[in-house]
Amino acid sequence: MSGYIDLHAHHLAGVDDGAPDWDTAVRMVAGLVDLGFAHLYTTPHQRSGLYLPDVALIERAFDELRRLHPARPSEGGAGPGSGSRLVLGLGAENFWDEILLQRIQTDTIPSYDGGPAFLFEVNPQMMPTGLETTLFELRLRDKLPVLAHPERYLAIQKQLERARTIGQSAALLVDLAAIDGAHGKQEMRTARLLLTEGLAHAVASDIHSPDDLPDIAAGMAWIRKHLGEGPLERLLTHNPRRILAGELPDPVT
């Protein structure tokens, strides 16, 4: 096996609410490798009025992360990443605000390695007006929106069918830690339903601190126990690979 792919993480030091320093960043990356990850995307926040680091700052931080973690054999022992090469990629977690809408219009959305797929999040309390229409239009332009932590959104918590509708044009990326209850009971219930109902396309760490690693591992263990090793592999390897290529994969059932 080639090792798991993580599409959502915050291990660039000092750019958002993730790693505050490089020692912490190194521990985060090492911990993910120990869990079997071999391809790690760092996705700093892009949100107007809160976290909006500029391109130069992000690129400098990413260069430093690559200096500290150059491509090399993984350190994970017996996990799926054993013997594979550690690959680092750059994306962004784009909040659905006026900045993102402008970037959609100008075709300048920060995406995974400049490719067709990009990660986004919305206000947990209220879905944007016309969201599904905009997502559909983006697919017509060969873009692939990837919705971060769908289990957090009130509209999906109240009506799981909303996830099915959004998932026709966007990949749904569930947080691993949420599956074990790290983000609250309602988030845990919704995350598990998204998985057991076959609505999730992939899962990711959304790591912000080394303290998140036990919860991430517990989420992986829950999938292994309740869905099986095959679905875990599809959620963390096969489907993320297709997402990076701009393909909307089938949800994992």
C-alpha atoms as a PDB file:
ATOM      1  CA  MET A   1       0.000   0.000   0.000  1.00  0.00           C
ATOM      2  CA  SER A   2       1.174   3.505  -0.778  1.00  0.00           C
ATOM      3  CA  GLY A   3       0.095   5.126   2.488  1.00  0.00           C
ATOM      4  CA  TYR A   4      -2.832   7.298   3.463  1.00  0.00           C
ATOM      5  CA  ILE A   5      -3.461  10.763   1.996  1.00  0.00           C
ATOM      6  CA  ASP A   6      -4.503  13.599   4.329  1.00  0.00           C
ATOM      7  CA  LEU A   7      -6.418  16.376   2.567  1.00  0.00           C
ATOM      8  CA  HIS A   8      -6.952  18.688   5.550  1.00  0.00           C
ATOM      9  CA  ALA A   9      -4.383  19.782   8.150  1.00  0.00           C
ATOM     10  CA  HIS A  10      -2.905  22.856   9.806  1.00  0.00           C
ATOM     11  CA  HIS A  11       0.784  22.179  10.339  1.00  0.00           C
ATOM     12  CA  LEU A  12       2.302  25.363   8.895  1.00  0.00           C
ATOM     13  CA  ALA A  13       3.759  27.202  11.864  1.00  0.00           C
ATOM     14  CA  GLY A  14       2.434  30.650  12.706  1.00  0.00           C
ATOM     15  CA  VAL A  15      -0.009  31.211   9.835  1.00  0.00           C
ATOM     16  CA  ASP A  16      -3.380  30.343  11.439  1.00  0.00           C
ATOM     17  CA  ASP A  17      -4.831  28.487  14.446  1.00  0.00           C
ATOM     18  CA  GLY A  18      -2.694  25.401  13.821  1.00  0.00           C
ATOM     19  CA  ALA A  19       0.935  24.802  14.792  1.00  0.00           C
ATOM     20  CA  PRO A  20       2.318  27.795  16.717  1.00  0.00           C
ATOM     21  CA  ASP A  21       5.969  26.857  16.059  1.00  0.00           C
ATOM     22  CA  TRP A  22       8.077  24.448  14.038  1.00  0.00           C
ATOM     23  CA  ASP A  23       8.747  22.050  16.901  1.00  0.00           C
ATOM     24  CA  THR A  24       4.991  21.518  17.168  1.00  0.00           C
ATOM     25  CA  ALA A  25       4.675  21.185  13.400  1.00  0.00           C
ATOM     26  CA  VAL A  26       7.375  18.499  13.327  1.00  0.00           C
ATOM     27  CA  ARG A  27       5.582  16.505  16.024  1.00  0.00           C
ATOM     28  CA  MET A  28       2.292  16.775  14.154  1.00  0.00           C
ATOM     29  CA  VAL A  29       3.775  15.475  10.915  1.00  0.00           C
ATOM     30  CA  ALA A  30       5.675  12.688  12.677  1.00  0.00           C
ATOM     31  CA  GLY A  31       2.504  11.621  14.490  1.00  0.00           C
ATOM     32  CA  LEU A  32       0.517  11.425  11.257  1.00  0.00           C
ATOM     33  CA  VAL A  33       3.258   9.378   9.610  1.00  0.00           C
ATOM     34  CA  ASP A  34       3.122   6.989  12.572  1.00  0.00           C
ATOM     35  CA  LEU A  35      -0.604   6.521  11.851  1.00  0.00           C
ATOM     36  CA  GLY A  36       0.162   5.461   8.285  1.00  0.00           C
ATOM     37  CA  PHE A  37      -0.073   8.733   6.368  1.00  0.00           C
ATOM     38  CA  ALA A  38       2.428   9.208   3.558  1.00  0.00           C
ATOM     39  CA  HIS A  39       0.967  12.168   1.615  1.00  0.00           C
ATOM     40  CA  LEU A  40       0.158  15.201   3.750  1.00  0.00           C
ATOM     41  CA  TYR A  41      -1.574  18.338   2.525  1.00  0.00           C
ATOM     42  CA  THR A  42      -1.293  21.441   4.650  1.00  0.00           C
ATOM     43  CA  THR A  43      -4.359  23.662   4.268  1.00  0.00           C
ATOM     44  CA  PRO A  44      -3.979  27.048   6.021  1.00  0.00           C
ATOM     45  CA  HIS A  45      -7.146  29.032   6.613  1.00  0.00           C
ATOM     46  CA  GLN A  46      -8.218  31.702   4.152  1.00  0.00           C
ATOM     47  CA  ARG A  47     -10.951  33.687   5.884  1.00  0.00           C
ATOM     48  CA  SER A  48     -11.592  37.406   5.638  1.00  0.00           C
ATOM     49  CA  GLY A  49     -11.151  39.253   8.938  1.00  0.00           C
ATOM     50  CA  LEU A  50      -9.692  36.257  10.784  1.00  0.00           C
ATOM     51  CA  TYR A  51      -6.935  34.264   9.046  1.00  0.00           C
ATOM     52  CA  LEU A  52      -5.878  35.555   5.658  1.00  0.00           C
ATOM     53  CA  PRO A  53      -2.107  34.965   5.370  1.00  0.00           C
ATOM     54  CA  ASP A  54      -0.752  36.167   2.044  1.00  0.00           C
ATOM     55  CA  VAL A  55       0.769  33.924  -0.583  1.00  0.00           C
ATOM     56  CA  ALA A  56       4.356  34.922   0.213  1.00  0.00           C
ATOM     57  CA  LEU A  57       4.003  34.052   3.897  1.00  0.00           C
ATOM     58  CA  ILE A  58       2.381  30.703   3.114  1.00  0.00           C
ATOM     59  CA  GLU A  59       5.028  29.807   0.551  1.00  0.00           C
ATOM     60  CA  ARG A  60       7.857  30.665   2.968  1.00  0.00           C
ATOM     61  CA  ALA A  61       6.239  28.532   5.663  1.00  0.00           C
ATOM     62  CA  PHE A  62       5.684  25.670   3.237  1.00  0.00           C
ATOM     63  CA  ASP A  63       9.311  25.820   2.099  1.00  0.00           C
ATOM     64  CA  GLU A  64      10.353  25.573   5.749  1.00  0.00           C
ATOM     65  CA  LEU A  65       8.079  22.576   6.309  1.00  0.00           C
ATOM     66  CA  ARG A  66       9.616  20.853   3.291  1.00  0.00           C
ATOM     67  CA  ARG A  67      13.096  21.669   4.582  1.00  0.00           C
ATOM     68  CA  LEU A  68      12.264  20.064   7.911  1.00  0.00           C
ATOM     69  CA  HIS A  69      10.489  17.117   6.246  1.00  0.00           C
ATOM     70  CA  PRO A  70      12.096  16.454   2.862  1.00  0.00           C
ATOM     71  CA  ALA A  71      10.862  13.497   0.811  1.00  0.00           C
ATOM     72  CA  ARG A  72      12.242  10.475   2.626  1.00  0.00           C
ATOM     73  CA  PRO A  73      11.180   7.018   3.762  1.00  0.00           C
ATOM     74  CA  SER A  74       8.300   7.163   6.220  1.00  0.00           C
ATOM     75  CA  GLU A  75       9.016   6.575   9.896  1.00  0.00           C
ATOM     76  CA  GLY A  76       5.828   4.754  10.745  1.00  0.00           C
ATOM     77  CA  GLY A  77       6.944   1.190  11.417  1.00  0.00           C
ATOM     78  CA  ALA A  78       4.238  -1.290  10.485  1.00  0.00           C
ATOM     79  CA  GLY A  79       1.547   1.135   9.264  1.00  0.00           C
ATOM     80  CA  PRO A  80       0.328   1.483   5.676  1.00  0.00           C
ATOM     81  CA  GLY A  81       2.869   4.241   5.105  1.00  0.00           C
ATOM     82  CA  SER A  82       5.830   1.955   5.798  1.00  0.00           C
ATOM     83  CA  GLY A  83       8.423   1.967   3.073  1.00  0.00           C
ATOM     84  CA  SER A  84       6.676   4.732   1.109  1.00  0.00           C
ATOM     85  CA  ARG A  85       7.871   8.260   0.488  1.00  0.00           C
ATOM     86  CA  LEU A  86       6.593  11.141   2.577  1.00  0.00           C
ATOM     87  CA  VAL A  87       5.016  13.664   0.213  1.00  0.00           C
ATOM     88  CA  LEU A  88       4.008  17.169   1.283  1.00  0.00           C
ATOM     89  CA  GLY A  89       1.428  19.188  -0.630  1.00  0.00           C
ATOM     90  CA  LEU A  90      -0.059  22.662  -0.276  1.00  0.00           C
ATOM     91  CA  GLY A  91      -3.697  23.680  -0.338  1.00  0.00           C
ATOM     92  CA  ALA A  92      -5.933  26.022   1.636  1.00  0.00           C
ATOM     93  CA  GLU A  93      -9.120  25.913   3.689  1.00  0.00           C
ATOM     94  CA  ASN A  94     -11.237  28.570   2.005  1.00  0.00           C
ATOM     95  CA  PHE A  95     -14.095  30.059   4.002  1.00  0.00           C
ATOM     96  CA  TRP A  96     -17.191  30.802   1.923  1.00  0.00           C
ATOM     97  CA  ASP A  97     -17.041  34.604   2.094  1.00  0.00           C
ATOM     98  CA  GLU A  98     -16.605  37.581  -0.203  1.00  0.00           C
ATOM     99  CA  ILE A  99     -12.929  36.728  -0.729  1.00  0.00           C
ATOM    100  CA  LEU A 100     -13.706  33.220  -1.967  1.00  0.00           C
ATOM    101  CA  LEU A 101     -16.602  34.419  -4.128  1.00  0.00           C
ATOM    102  CA  GLN A 102     -14.289  36.940  -5.779  1.00  0.00           C
ATOM    103  CA  ARG A 103     -11.684  34.239  -6.343  1.00  0.00           C
ATOM    104  CA  ILE A 104     -14.331  31.980  -7.876  1.00  0.00           C
ATOM    105  CA  GLN A 105     -15.157  34.736 -10.356  1.00  0.00           C
ATOM    106  CA  THR A 106     -11.505  35.390 -11.214  1.00  0.00           C
ATOM    107  CA  ASP A 107     -10.485  31.718 -11.226  1.00  0.00           C
ATOM    108  CA  THR A 108      -7.879  32.298  -8.507  1.00  0.00           C
ATOM    109  CA  ILE A 109      -9.081  29.880  -5.817  1.00  0.00           C
ATOM    110  CA  PRO A 110      -6.221  28.480  -3.709  1.00  0.00           C
ATOM    111  CA  SER A 111      -6.385  24.770  -4.488  1.00  0.00           C
ATOM    112  CA  TYR A 112      -4.483  21.555  -3.864  1.00  0.00           C
ATOM    113  CA  ASP A 113      -1.096  22.113  -5.554  1.00  0.00           C
ATOM    114  CA  GLY A 114      -2.771  24.481  -8.024  1.00  0.00           C
ATOM    115  CA  GLY A 115      -4.945  21.673  -9.357  1.00  0.00           C
ATOM    116  CA  PRO A 116      -8.699  21.400  -9.947  1.00  0.00           C
ATOM    117  CA  ALA A 117      -9.755  20.467  -6.395  1.00  0.00           C
ATOM    118  CA  PHE A 118     -10.057  22.970  -3.549  1.00  0.00           C
ATOM    119  CA  LEU A 119     -11.104  22.728   0.098  1.00  0.00           C
ATOM    120  CA  PHE A 120     -13.807  25.013   1.486  1.00  0.00           C
ATOM    121  CA  GLU A 121     -15.910  25.494   4.598  1.00  0.00           C
ATOM    122  CA  VAL A 122     -19.101  27.424   5.342  1.00  0.00           C
ATOM    123  CA  ASN A 123     -20.717  29.061   8.357  1.00  0.00           C
ATOM    124  CA  PRO A 124     -21.760  26.192  10.675  1.00  0.00           C
ATOM    125  CA  GLN A 125     -25.069  27.879  11.493  1.00  0.00           C
ATOM    126  CA  MET A 126     -26.231  28.875   8.015  1.00  0.00           C
ATOM    127  CA  MET A 127     -25.564  27.486   4.543  1.00  0.00           C
ATOM    128  CA  PRO A 128     -24.854  30.176   1.913  1.00  0.00           C
ATOM    129  CA  THR A 129     -27.733  31.111  -0.358  1.00  0.00           C
ATOM    130  CA  GLY A 130     -27.462  29.328  -3.685  1.00  0.00           C
ATOM    131  CA  LEU A 131     -24.650  27.048  -2.494  1.00  0.00           C
ATOM    132  CA  GLU A 132     -25.670  24.012  -4.547  1.00  0.00           C
ATOM    133  CA  THR A 133     -26.072  26.108  -7.705  1.00  0.00           C
ATOM    134  CA  THR A 134     -22.585  27.584  -7.349  1.00  0.00           C
ATOM    135  CA  LEU A 135     -21.076  24.162  -6.662  1.00  0.00           C
ATOM    136  CA  PHE A 136     -22.763  22.766  -9.778  1.00  0.00           C
ATOM    137  CA  GLU A 137     -21.436  25.653 -11.867  1.00  0.00           C
ATOM    138  CA  LEU A 138     -17.934  25.015 -10.531  1.00  0.00           C
ATOM    139  CA  ARG A 139     -18.172  21.383 -11.646  1.00  0.00           C
ATOM    140  CA  LEU A 140     -19.127  22.568 -15.117  1.00  0.00           C
ATOM    141  CA  ARG A 141     -15.845  24.503 -15.065  1.00  0.00           C
ATOM    142  CA  ASP A 142     -13.940  21.299 -14.161  1.00  0.00           C
ATOM    143  CA  LYS A 143     -13.351  22.423 -10.590  1.00  0.00           C
ATOM    144  CA  LEU A 144     -13.934  20.038  -7.690  1.00  0.00           C
ATOM    145  CA  PRO A 145     -15.120  21.674  -4.444  1.00  0.00           C
ATOM    146  CA  VAL A 146     -14.288  19.668  -1.293  1.00  0.00           C
ATOM    147  CA  LEU A 147     -16.463  20.442   1.733  1.00  0.00           C
ATOM    148  CA  ALA A 148     -14.534  20.340   5.002  1.00  0.00           C
ATOM    149  CA  HIS A 149     -16.115  18.728   8.079  1.00  0.00           C
ATOM    150  CA  PRO A 150     -19.740  18.432   6.825  1.00  0.00           C
ATOM    151  CA  GLU A 151     -20.695  17.001  10.215  1.00  0.00           C
ATOM    152  CA  ARG A 152     -20.406  20.489  11.769  1.00  0.00           C
ATOM    153  CA  TYR A 153     -23.115  22.188   9.743  1.00  0.00           C
ATOM    154  CA  LEU A 154     -26.506  22.638  11.342  1.00  0.00           C
ATOM    155  CA  ALA A 155     -28.365  22.165   8.049  1.00  0.00           C
ATOM    156  CA  ILE A 156     -26.777  18.728   7.601  1.00  0.00           C
ATOM    157  CA  GLN A 157     -27.219  17.795  11.253  1.00  0.00           C
ATOM    158  CA  LYS A 158     -30.932  18.545  10.966  1.00  0.00           C
ATOM    159  CA  GLN A 159     -31.453  16.995   7.538  1.00  0.00           C
ATOM    160  CA  LEU A 160     -28.925  14.448   6.343  1.00  0.00           C
ATOM    161  CA  GLU A 161     -30.462  14.579   2.864  1.00  0.00           C
ATOM    162  CA  ARG A 162     -28.809  17.995   2.454  1.00  0.00           C
ATOM    163  CA  ALA A 163     -25.459  16.212   2.453  1.00  0.00           C
ATOM    164  CA  ARG A 164     -26.656  13.973  -0.365  1.00  0.00           C
ATOM    165  CA  THR A 165     -27.626  17.012  -2.448  1.00  0.00           C
ATOM    166  CA  ILE A 166     -24.352  18.861  -1.809  1.00  0.00           C
ATOM    167  CA  GLY A 167     -22.442  15.644  -2.453  1.00  0.00           C
ATOM    168  CA  GLN A 168     -23.656  15.568  -6.049  1.00  0.00           C
ATOM    169  CA  SER A 169     -21.250  18.425  -6.853  1.00  0.00           C
ATOM    170  CA  ALA A 170     -18.771  18.464  -3.956  1.00  0.00           C
ATOM    171  CA  ALA A 171     -16.728  15.837  -2.164  1.00  0.00           C
ATOM    172  CA  LEU A 172     -17.652  15.514   1.531  1.00  0.00           C
ATOM    173  CA  LEU A 173     -14.562  15.283   3.757  1.00  0.00           C
ATOM    174  CA  VAL A 174     -15.383  14.106   7.299  1.00  0.00           C
ATOM    175  CA  ASP A 175     -13.033  14.896  10.206  1.00  0.00           C
ATOM    176  CA  LEU A 176     -11.579  11.734  11.755  1.00  0.00           C
ATOM    177  CA  ALA A 177     -11.552  13.174  15.270  1.00  0.00           C
ATOM    178  CA  ALA A 178     -15.261  14.025  15.052  1.00  0.00           C
ATOM    179  CA  ILE A 179     -16.106  10.345  14.558  1.00  0.00           C
ATOM    180  CA  ASP A 180     -14.932   9.616  18.105  1.00  0.00           C
ATOM    181  CA  GLY A 181     -16.698  12.613  19.649  1.00  0.00           C
ATOM    182  CA  ALA A 182     -13.832  15.097  19.905  1.00  0.00           C
ATOM    183  CA  HIS A 183     -15.975  17.953  18.535  1.00  0.00           C
ATOM    184  CA  GLY A 184     -19.254  17.200  20.322  1.00  0.00           C
ATOM    185  CA  LYS A 185     -22.046  14.646  20.432  1.00  0.00           C
ATOM    186  CA  GLN A 186     -24.075  16.040  17.541  1.00  0.00           C
ATOM    187  CA  GLU A 187     -20.992  16.253  15.356  1.00  0.00           C
ATOM    188  CA  MET A 188     -20.100  12.669  16.284  1.00  0.00           C
ATOM    189  CA  ARG A 189     -23.590  11.407  15.471  1.00  0.00           C
ATOM    190  CA  THR A 190     -23.628  13.201  12.123  1.00  0.00           C
ATOM    191  CA  ALA A 191     -20.104  12.092  11.190  1.00  0.00           C
ATOM    192  CA  ARG A 192     -21.014   8.474  11.867  1.00  0.00           C
ATOM    193  CA  LEU A 193     -24.259   8.760   9.914  1.00  0.00           C
ATOM    194  CA  LEU A 194     -22.440  10.264   6.947  1.00  0.00           C
ATOM    195  CA  LEU A 195     -20.199   7.205   6.957  1.00  0.00           C
ATOM    196  CA  THR A 196     -22.756   4.494   7.655  1.00  0.00           C
ATOM    197  CA  GLU A 197     -25.260   5.976   5.191  1.00  0.00           C
ATOM    198  CA  GLY A 198     -22.634   6.051   2.450  1.00  0.00           C
ATOM    199  CA  LEU A 199     -22.535   9.833   2.025  1.00  0.00           C
ATOM    200  CA  ALA A 200     -18.882  10.573   2.837  1.00  0.00           C
ATOM    201  CA  HIS A 201     -16.338  10.638   0.018  1.00  0.00           C
ATOM    202  CA  ALA A 202     -13.222  10.792   2.199  1.00  0.00           C
ATOM    203  CA  VAL A 203     -11.947  11.477   5.712  1.00  0.00           C
ATOM    204  CA  ALA A 204      -9.072  13.657   6.929  1.00  0.00           C
ATOM    205  CA  SER A 205      -7.216  14.619  10.083  1.00  0.00           C
ATOM    206  CA  ASP A 206      -7.900  18.388  10.277  1.00  0.00           C
ATOM    207  CA  ILE A 207      -5.028  18.316  12.754  1.00  0.00           C
ATOM    208  CA  HIS A 208      -4.290  21.540  14.632  1.00  0.00           C
ATOM    209  CA  SER A 209      -2.092  20.179  17.449  1.00  0.00           C
ATOM    210  CA  PRO A 210      -0.248  17.008  18.466  1.00  0.00           C
ATOM    211  CA  ASP A 211      -2.987  16.638  21.082  1.00  0.00           C
ATOM    212  CA  ASP A 212      -5.381  15.795  18.222  1.00  0.00           C
ATOM    213  CA  LEU A 213      -3.506  12.615  17.285  1.00  0.00           C
ATOM    214  CA  PRO A 214      -5.251  10.216  19.734  1.00  0.00           C
ATOM    215  CA  ASP A 215      -8.681  11.389  18.503  1.00  0.00           C
ATOM    216  CA  ILE A 216      -7.604  10.989  14.873  1.00  0.00           C
ATOM    217  CA  ALA A 217      -6.392   7.469  15.617  1.00  0.00           C
ATOM    218  CA  ALA A 218      -9.674   6.689  17.401  1.00  0.00           C
ATOM    219  CA  GLY A 219     -11.649   7.825  14.356  1.00  0.00           C
ATOM    220  CA  MET A 220      -9.615   5.526  12.141  1.00  0.00           C
ATOM    221  CA  ALA A 221     -10.187   2.675  14.582  1.00  0.00           C
ATOM    222  CA  TRP A 222     -13.957   3.276  14.534  1.00  0.00           C
ATOM    223  CA  ILE A 223     -14.021   3.019  10.737  1.00  0.00           C
ATOM    224  CA  ARG A 224     -11.995  -0.201  10.833  1.00  0.00           C
ATOM    225  CA  LYS A 225     -14.352  -1.714  13.394  1.00  0.00           C
ATOM    226  CA  HIS A 226     -17.684  -0.646  11.914  1.00  0.00           C
ATOM    227  CA  LEU A 227     -16.969  -0.432   8.176  1.00  0.00           C
ATOM    228  CA  GLY A 228     -13.827  -2.472   7.647  1.00  0.00           C
ATOM    229  CA  GLU A 229     -10.264  -2.061   6.408  1.00  0.00           C
ATOM    230  CA  GLY A 230     -11.342  -1.798   2.767  1.00  0.00           C
ATOM    231  CA  PRO A 231     -13.590   1.234   3.290  1.00  0.00           C
ATOM    232  CA  LEU A 232     -10.891   2.899   5.402  1.00  0.00           C
ATOM    233  CA  GLU A 233      -8.438   2.434   2.543  1.00  0.00           C
ATOM    234  CA  ARG A 234     -10.905   3.954   0.085  1.00  0.00           C
ATOM    235  CA  LEU A 235     -11.645   6.894   2.394  1.00  0.00           C
ATOM    236  CA  LEU A 236      -7.970   7.658   2.985  1.00  0.00           C
ATOM    237  CA  THR A 237      -6.221   6.555  -0.194  1.00  0.00           C
ATOM    238  CA  HIS A 238      -8.257   5.751  -3.305  1.00  0.00           C
ATOM    239  CA  ASN A 239     -10.855   8.515  -3.053  1.00  0.00           C
ATOM    240  CA  PRO A 240      -8.413  11.264  -1.974  1.00  0.00           C
ATOM    241  CA  ARG A 241      -6.259  10.371  -4.972  1.00  0.00           C
ATOM    242  CA  ARG A 242      -9.243  10.762  -7.273  1.00  0.00           C
ATOM    243  CA  ILE A 243     -10.246  14.025  -5.586  1.00  0.00           C
ATOM    244  CA  LEU A 244      -6.779  15.475  -6.204  1.00  0.00           C
ATOM    245  CA  ALA A 245      -7.217  14.581  -9.870  1.00  0.00           C
ATOM    246  CA  GLY A 246     -10.451  16.579  -9.953  1.00  0.00           C
ATOM    247  CA  GLU A 247     -12.742  13.540 -10.026  1.00  0.00           C
ATOM    248  CA  LEU A 248     -15.772  13.267  -7.750  1.00  0.00           C
ATOM    249  CA  PRO A 249     -15.550   9.676  -6.501  1.00  0.00           C
ATOM    250  CA  ASP A 250     -18.444   7.558  -5.394  1.00  0.00           C
ATOM    251  CA  PRO A 251     -19.148   7.873  -1.660  1.00  0.00           C
ATOM    252  CA  VAL A 252     -17.818   4.978   0.379  1.00  0.00           C
ATOM    253  CA  THR A 253     -20.453   2.426   1.397  1.00  0.00           C
END
